[in-house]
Amino acid sequence: MSANMATTTTQTCSANDYTYFKELSNVAFSVACRYVKNSCMQDDTAKIINTKKLPA
């Protein structure tokens, strides 16, 4: 695996772990947001998928 390849991790976090900063994009089934991780003040992003809008 190349050192330049992005990795994807899935974590379950409490809402208290992050502070919402701003919305980056909003498309049909998802929203991408920028957050700041409270424990270390690092920027982080999350893509939130609205499963209710997904076709069955």
PDB file of N, CA and C in Angstrom:
ATOM      1  N   MET A   1       0.837  -1.171   0.000  1.00  0.00           N
ATOM      2  CA  MET A   1       0.000   0.000   0.000  1.00  0.00           C
ATOM      3  C   MET A   1       0.885   1.239   0.000  1.00  0.00           C
ATOM      4  N   SER A   2       0.534   2.204  -0.824  1.00  0.00           N
ATOM      5  CA  SER A   2       1.291   3.433  -0.958  1.00  0.00           C
ATOM      6  C   SER A   2       1.115   4.309   0.271  1.00  0.00           C
ATOM      7  N   ALA A   3       2.135   5.078   0.590  1.00  0.00           N
ATOM      8  CA  ALA A   3       2.063   5.984   1.733  1.00  0.00           C
ATOM      9  C   ALA A   3       1.092   7.132   1.476  1.00  0.00           C
ATOM     10  N   ASN A   4       0.787   7.404   0.208  1.00  0.00           N
ATOM     11  CA  ASN A   4      -0.108   8.502  -0.137  1.00  0.00           C
ATOM     12  C   ASN A   4      -1.578   8.105  -0.158  1.00  0.00           C
ATOM     13  N   MET A   5      -1.889   6.826  -0.015  1.00  0.00           N
ATOM     14  CA  MET A   5      -3.271   6.367  -0.061  1.00  0.00           C
ATOM     15  C   MET A   5      -3.999   6.756   1.221  1.00  0.00           C
ATOM     16  N   ALA A   6      -5.216   7.239   1.074  1.00  0.00           N
ATOM     17  CA  ALA A   6      -6.030   7.605   2.231  1.00  0.00           C
ATOM     18  C   ALA A   6      -6.613   6.344   2.852  1.00  0.00           C
ATOM     19  N   THR A   7      -6.770   6.367   4.143  1.00  0.00           N
ATOM     20  CA  THR A   7      -7.379   5.249   4.840  1.00  0.00           C
ATOM     21  C   THR A   7      -8.741   5.669   5.372  1.00  0.00           C
ATOM     22  N   THR A   8      -9.643   4.737   5.445  1.00  0.00           N
ATOM     23  CA  THR A   8     -10.972   4.998   5.961  1.00  0.00           C
ATOM     24  C   THR A   8     -11.143   4.232   7.258  1.00  0.00           C
ATOM     25  N   THR A   9     -11.572   4.939   8.283  1.00  0.00           N
ATOM     26  CA  THR A   9     -11.831   4.290   9.559  1.00  0.00           C
ATOM     27  C   THR A   9     -13.262   4.584   9.968  1.00  0.00           C
ATOM     28  N   THR A  10     -13.873   3.627  10.607  1.00  0.00           N
ATOM     29  CA  THR A  10     -15.226   3.802  11.102  1.00  0.00           C
ATOM     30  C   THR A  10     -15.182   3.678  12.612  1.00  0.00           C
ATOM     31  N   GLN A  11     -15.668   4.710  13.287  1.00  0.00           N
ATOM     32  CA  GLN A  11     -15.660   4.716  14.738  1.00  0.00           C
ATOM     33  C   GLN A  11     -17.024   5.142  15.249  1.00  0.00           C
ATOM     34  N   THR A  12     -17.368   4.653  16.410  1.00  0.00           N
ATOM     35  CA  THR A  12     -18.568   5.130  17.080  1.00  0.00           C
ATOM     36  C   THR A  12     -18.113   6.093  18.159  1.00  0.00           C
ATOM     37  N   CYS A  13     -18.567   7.329  18.059  1.00  0.00           N
ATOM     38  CA  CYS A  13     -18.135   8.362  18.989  1.00  0.00           C
ATOM     39  C   CYS A  13     -19.332   9.044  19.612  1.00  0.00           C
ATOM     40  N   SER A  14     -19.116   9.586  20.757  1.00  0.00           N
ATOM     41  CA  SER A  14     -20.137  10.378  21.423  1.00  0.00           C
ATOM     42  C   SER A  14     -20.155  11.772  20.800  1.00  0.00           C
ATOM     43  N   ALA A  15     -21.304  12.405  20.806  1.00  0.00           N
ATOM     44  CA  ALA A  15     -21.414  13.766  20.287  1.00  0.00           C
ATOM     45  C   ALA A  15     -20.556  14.727  21.098  1.00  0.00           C
ATOM     46  N   ASN A  16     -20.246  14.366  22.331  1.00  0.00           N
ATOM     47  CA  ASN A  16     -19.413  15.213  23.180  1.00  0.00           C
ATOM     48  C   ASN A  16     -17.944  15.167  22.803  1.00  0.00           C
ATOM     49  N   ASP A  17     -17.536  14.207  21.974  1.00  0.00           N
ATOM     50  CA  ASP A  17     -16.144  14.082  21.569  1.00  0.00           C
ATOM     51  C   ASP A  17     -15.741  15.121  20.529  1.00  0.00           C
ATOM     52  N   TYR A  18     -16.720  15.677  19.807  1.00  0.00           N
ATOM     53  CA  TYR A  18     -16.453  16.589  18.705  1.00  0.00           C
ATOM     54  C   TYR A  18     -17.312  17.843  18.805  1.00  0.00           C
ATOM     55  N   THR A  19     -16.787  18.951  18.281  1.00  0.00           N
ATOM     56  CA  THR A  19     -17.532  20.191  18.174  1.00  0.00           C
ATOM     57  C   THR A  19     -17.730  20.491  16.701  1.00  0.00           C
ATOM     58  N   TYR A  20     -18.981  20.716  16.299  1.00  0.00           N
ATOM     59  CA  TYR A  20     -19.312  21.014  14.913  1.00  0.00           C
ATOM     60  C   TYR A  20     -18.673  22.338  14.512  1.00  0.00           C
ATOM     61  N   PHE A  21     -18.032  22.370  13.321  1.00  0.00           N
ATOM     62  CA  PHE A  21     -17.388  23.585  12.855  1.00  0.00           C
ATOM     63  C   PHE A  21     -18.128  24.181  11.665  1.00  0.00           C
ATOM     64  N   LYS A  22     -18.282  23.397  10.563  1.00  0.00           N
ATOM     65  CA  LYS A  22     -19.051  23.894   9.424  1.00  0.00           C
ATOM     66  C   LYS A  22     -19.398  22.755   8.477  1.00  0.00           C
ATOM     67  N   GLU A  23     -20.414  22.998   7.651  1.00  0.00           N
ATOM     68  CA  GLU A  23     -20.832  22.033   6.635  1.00  0.00           C
ATOM     69  C   GLU A  23     -19.971  22.236   5.389  1.00  0.00           C
ATOM     70  N   LEU A  24     -19.409  21.130   4.870  1.00  0.00           N
ATOM     71  CA  LEU A  24     -18.560  21.210   3.687  1.00  0.00           C
ATOM     72  C   LEU A  24     -19.328  20.970   2.399  1.00  0.00           C
ATOM     73  N   SER A  25     -20.251  20.028   2.421  1.00  0.00           N
ATOM     74  CA  SER A  25     -21.079  19.760   1.242  1.00  0.00           C
ATOM     75  C   SER A  25     -22.385  19.110   1.678  1.00  0.00           C
ATOM     76  N   ASN A  26     -23.388  19.257   0.827  1.00  0.00           N
ATOM     77  CA  ASN A  26     -24.698  18.693   1.104  1.00  0.00           C
ATOM     78  C   ASN A  26     -25.235  18.163  -0.214  1.00  0.00           C
ATOM     79  N   VAL A  27     -25.324  16.848  -0.337  1.00  0.00           N
ATOM     80  CA  VAL A  27     -25.818  16.215  -1.561  1.00  0.00           C
ATOM     81  C   VAL A  27     -27.050  15.377  -1.224  1.00  0.00           C
ATOM     82  N   ALA A  28     -27.601  14.692  -2.210  1.00  0.00           N
ATOM     83  CA  ALA A  28     -28.881  13.999  -2.078  1.00  0.00           C
ATOM     84  C   ALA A  28     -28.992  13.100  -0.842  1.00  0.00           C
ATOM     85  N   PHE A  29     -27.986  12.282  -0.573  1.00  0.00           N
ATOM     86  CA  PHE A  29     -28.097  11.289   0.498  1.00  0.00           C
ATOM     87  C   PHE A  29     -27.129  11.504   1.654  1.00  0.00           C
ATOM     88  N   SER A  30     -26.299  12.551   1.605  1.00  0.00           N
ATOM     89  CA  SER A  30     -25.321  12.713   2.671  1.00  0.00           C
ATOM     90  C   SER A  30     -24.912  14.172   2.853  1.00  0.00           C
ATOM     91  N   VAL A  31     -24.288  14.420   3.999  1.00  0.00           N
ATOM     92  CA  VAL A  31     -23.748  15.728   4.340  1.00  0.00           C
ATOM     93  C   VAL A  31     -22.330  15.501   4.837  1.00  0.00           C
ATOM     94  N   ALA A  32     -21.386  16.280   4.328  1.00  0.00           N
ATOM     95  CA  ALA A  32     -20.010  16.229   4.818  1.00  0.00           C
ATOM     96  C   ALA A  32     -19.792  17.441   5.716  1.00  0.00           C
ATOM     97  N   CYS A  33     -19.279  17.203   6.921  1.00  0.00           N
ATOM     98  CA  CYS A  33     -19.092  18.269   7.902  1.00  0.00           C
ATOM     99  C   CYS A  33     -17.669  18.272   8.428  1.00  0.00           C
ATOM    100  N   ARG A  34     -17.242  19.441   8.845  1.00  0.00           N
ATOM    101  CA  ARG A  34     -15.936  19.583   9.482  1.00  0.00           C
ATOM    102  C   ARG A  34     -16.169  19.709  10.982  1.00  0.00           C
ATOM    103  N   TYR A  35     -15.419  18.955  11.738  1.00  0.00           N
ATOM    104  CA  TYR A  35     -15.521  18.952  13.193  1.00  0.00           C
ATOM    105  C   TYR A  35     -14.153  19.181  13.801  1.00  0.00           C
ATOM    106  N   VAL A  36     -14.132  19.588  15.051  1.00  0.00           N
ATOM    107  CA  VAL A  36     -12.896  19.693  15.814  1.00  0.00           C
ATOM    108  C   VAL A  36     -12.993  18.680  16.943  1.00  0.00           C
ATOM    109  N   LYS A  37     -11.993  17.813  17.029  1.00  0.00           N
ATOM    110  CA  LYS A  37     -11.956  16.799  18.087  1.00  0.00           C
ATOM    111  C   LYS A  37     -11.566  17.484  19.397  1.00  0.00           C
ATOM    112  N   ASN A  38     -12.434  17.407  20.389  1.00  0.00           N
ATOM    113  CA  ASN A  38     -12.240  18.143  21.636  1.00  0.00           C
ATOM    114  C   ASN A  38     -11.005  17.720  22.420  1.00  0.00           C
ATOM    115  N   SER A  39     -10.663  16.456  22.401  1.00  0.00           N
ATOM    116  CA  SER A  39      -9.570  15.971  23.240  1.00  0.00           C
ATOM    117  C   SER A  39      -8.201  16.485  22.802  1.00  0.00           C
ATOM    118  N   CYS A  40      -8.022  16.745  21.498  1.00  0.00           N
ATOM    119  CA  CYS A  40      -6.708  17.176  21.025  1.00  0.00           C
ATOM    120  C   CYS A  40      -6.766  18.384  20.086  1.00  0.00           C
ATOM    121  N   MET A  41      -7.971  18.955  19.903  1.00  0.00           N
ATOM    122  CA  MET A  41      -8.179  20.139  19.075  1.00  0.00           C
ATOM    123  C   MET A  41      -7.735  19.949  17.624  1.00  0.00           C
ATOM    124  N   GLN A  42      -7.865  18.730  17.101  1.00  0.00           N
ATOM    125  CA  GLN A  42      -7.533  18.443  15.712  1.00  0.00           C
ATOM    126  C   GLN A  42      -8.779  18.534  14.853  1.00  0.00           C
ATOM    127  N   ASP A  43      -8.601  19.036  13.614  1.00  0.00           N
ATOM    128  CA  ASP A  43      -9.699  19.050  12.656  1.00  0.00           C
ATOM    129  C   ASP A  43      -9.982  17.641  12.187  1.00  0.00           C
ATOM    130  N   ASP A  44     -11.255  17.353  11.966  1.00  0.00           N
ATOM    131  CA  ASP A  44     -11.671  16.050  11.483  1.00  0.00           C
ATOM    132  C   ASP A  44     -12.884  16.260  10.589  1.00  0.00           C
ATOM    133  N   THR A  45     -13.160  15.313   9.710  1.00  0.00           N
ATOM    134  CA  THR A  45     -14.340  15.400   8.858  1.00  0.00           C
ATOM    135  C   THR A  45     -15.189  14.155   9.039  1.00  0.00           C
ATOM    136  N   ALA A  46     -16.470  14.322   8.766  1.00  0.00           N
ATOM    137  CA  ALA A  46     -17.395  13.199   8.846  1.00  0.00           C
ATOM    138  C   ALA A  46     -18.378  13.312   7.699  1.00  0.00           C
ATOM    139  N   LYS A  47     -18.716  12.175   7.119  1.00  0.00           N
ATOM    140  CA  LYS A  47     -19.754  12.125   6.104  1.00  0.00           C
ATOM    141  C   LYS A  47     -20.940  11.417   6.742  1.00  0.00           C
ATOM    142  N   ILE A  48     -22.041  12.123   6.848  1.00  0.00           N
ATOM    143  CA  ILE A  48     -23.243  11.607   7.492  1.00  0.00           C
ATOM    144  C   ILE A  48     -24.217  11.203   6.396  1.00  0.00           C
ATOM    145  N   ILE A  49     -24.573   9.922   6.356  1.00  0.00           N
ATOM    146  CA  ILE A  49     -25.457   9.396   5.326  1.00  0.00           C
ATOM    147  C   ILE A  49     -26.859   9.253   5.894  1.00  0.00           C
ATOM    148  N   ASN A  50     -27.824   9.862   5.220  1.00  0.00           N
ATOM    149  CA  ASN A  50     -29.222   9.771   5.625  1.00  0.00           C
ATOM    150  C   ASN A  50     -29.808   8.508   5.007  1.00  0.00           C
ATOM    151  N   THR A  51     -29.890   7.443   5.785  1.00  0.00           N
ATOM    152  CA  THR A  51     -30.360   6.148   5.269  1.00  0.00           C
ATOM    153  C   THR A  51     -31.854   6.149   4.970  1.00  0.00           C
ATOM    154  N   LYS A  52     -32.600   7.087   5.521  1.00  0.00           N
ATOM    155  CA  LYS A  52     -34.025   7.158   5.243  1.00  0.00           C
ATOM    156  C   LYS A  52     -34.285   7.591   3.799  1.00  0.00           C
ATOM    157  N   LYS A  53     -33.342   8.294   3.187  1.00  0.00           N
ATOM    158  CA  LYS A  53     -33.510   8.766   1.817  1.00  0.00           C
ATOM    159  C   LYS A  53     -32.986   7.759   0.787  1.00  0.00           C
ATOM    160  N   LEU A  54     -32.278   6.732   1.223  1.00  0.00           N
ATOM    161  CA  LEU A  54     -31.722   5.748   0.298  1.00  0.00           C
ATOM    162  C   LEU A  54     -32.842   4.885  -0.297  1.00  0.00           C
ATOM    163  N   PRO A  55     -32.727   4.527  -1.588  1.00  0.00           N
ATOM    164  CA  PRO A  55     -33.732   3.645  -2.171  1.00  0.00           C
ATOM    165  C   PRO A  55     -33.676   2.260  -1.543  1.00  0.00           C
ATOM    166  N   ALA A  56     -34.798   1.605  -1.443  1.00  0.00           N
ATOM    167  CA  ALA A  56     -34.876   0.281  -0.791  1.00  0.00           C
ATOM    168  C   ALA A  56     -34.229  -0.792  -1.624  1.00  0.00           C
TER     169      ALA A  56
END
